[in-house]
């Protein structure tokens, strides 16, 4: 019987891994009422979200330039 995990090939870049960690920290902090972890999770989530947006915009601009020329 084939393993179900063979069907899922998930490759995340550094921005997405950081966002997953930040959101996990936020969820954990909310559940256990940990203030310092909540601030850390908020900071990491915000930083990784900005990084993800900047990277996506950069890749999109480069893609559009390559398609025009």
Protein backbone atom coordinates (compact mmCIF):
# COMPACT_ATOMS: atom_id res chain seq x y z
CA UNK A 1 0.00 0.00 0.00
CA UNK A 2 1.53 3.39 -0.98
CA UNK A 3 2.33 5.88 1.73
CA UNK A 4 -0.05 8.87 1.73
CA UNK A 5 2.84 11.29 2.34
CA UNK A 6 4.28 10.43 -1.08
CA UNK A 7 1.44 12.36 -2.72
CA UNK A 8 2.40 15.63 -1.04
CA UNK A 9 5.60 17.33 -2.16
CA UNK A 10 5.66 20.63 -0.30
CA UNK A 11 8.61 22.93 -0.91
CA UNK A 12 8.53 26.15 1.10
CA UNK A 13 11.02 28.97 0.76
CA UNK A 14 12.58 30.76 3.72
CA UNK A 15 9.90 33.45 3.79
CA UNK A 16 7.10 30.92 4.09
CA UNK A 17 8.91 28.85 6.73
CA UNK A 18 9.42 32.02 8.77
CA UNK A 19 5.76 32.92 8.38
CA UNK A 20 4.72 29.44 9.49
CA UNK A 21 6.94 29.74 12.58
CA UNK A 22 5.62 33.23 13.35
CA UNK A 23 1.98 32.24 13.00
CA UNK A 24 2.61 29.08 15.04
CA UNK A 25 4.16 31.22 17.76
CA UNK A 26 1.18 33.58 17.67
CA UNK A 27 -1.25 30.69 17.99
CA UNK A 28 0.70 29.13 20.84
CA UNK A 29 0.99 32.47 22.64
CA UNK A 30 -2.73 33.06 22.29
CA UNK A 31 -3.62 29.59 23.53
CA UNK A 32 -1.31 29.64 26.56
CA UNK A 33 -1.50 33.42 27.16
CA UNK A 34 2.25 34.00 26.74
CA UNK A 35 2.82 37.72 26.20
CA UNK A 36 6.49 37.66 25.18
CA UNK A 37 5.96 34.83 22.72
CA UNK A 38 3.00 36.73 21.29
CA UNK A 39 5.13 39.80 20.61
CA UNK A 40 7.85 37.61 19.09
CA UNK A 41 5.30 35.87 16.87
CA UNK A 42 3.80 39.19 15.82
CA UNK A 43 7.23 40.60 14.95
CA UNK A 44 8.32 37.52 12.98
CA UNK A 45 4.97 37.26 11.17
CA UNK A 46 5.07 40.92 10.20
CA UNK A 47 8.68 40.75 9.06
CA UNK A 48 8.14 37.59 7.03
CA UNK A 49 4.93 38.97 5.49
CA UNK A 50 6.77 42.08 4.32
CA UNK A 51 9.59 39.94 2.98
CA UNK A 52 7.13 37.69 1.16
CA UNK A 53 5.35 40.66 -0.43
CA UNK A 54 8.66 42.25 -1.52
CA UNK A 55 9.90 38.98 -2.99
CA UNK A 56 6.63 38.35 -4.83
CA UNK A 57 6.62 41.86 -6.30
CA UNK A 58 10.26 41.53 -7.37
CA UNK A 59 9.68 38.16 -9.05
CA UNK A 60 6.55 39.46 -10.77
CA UNK A 61 8.35 42.51 -12.15
CA UNK A 62 11.23 40.38 -13.42
CA UNK A 63 8.79 37.92 -15.00
CA UNK A 64 6.87 40.69 -16.76
CA UNK A 65 10.08 42.27 -18.05
CA UNK A 66 11.28 38.94 -19.42
CA UNK A 67 7.95 38.34 -21.18
CA UNK A 68 7.97 41.78 -22.86
CA UNK A 69 11.49 41.48 -24.34
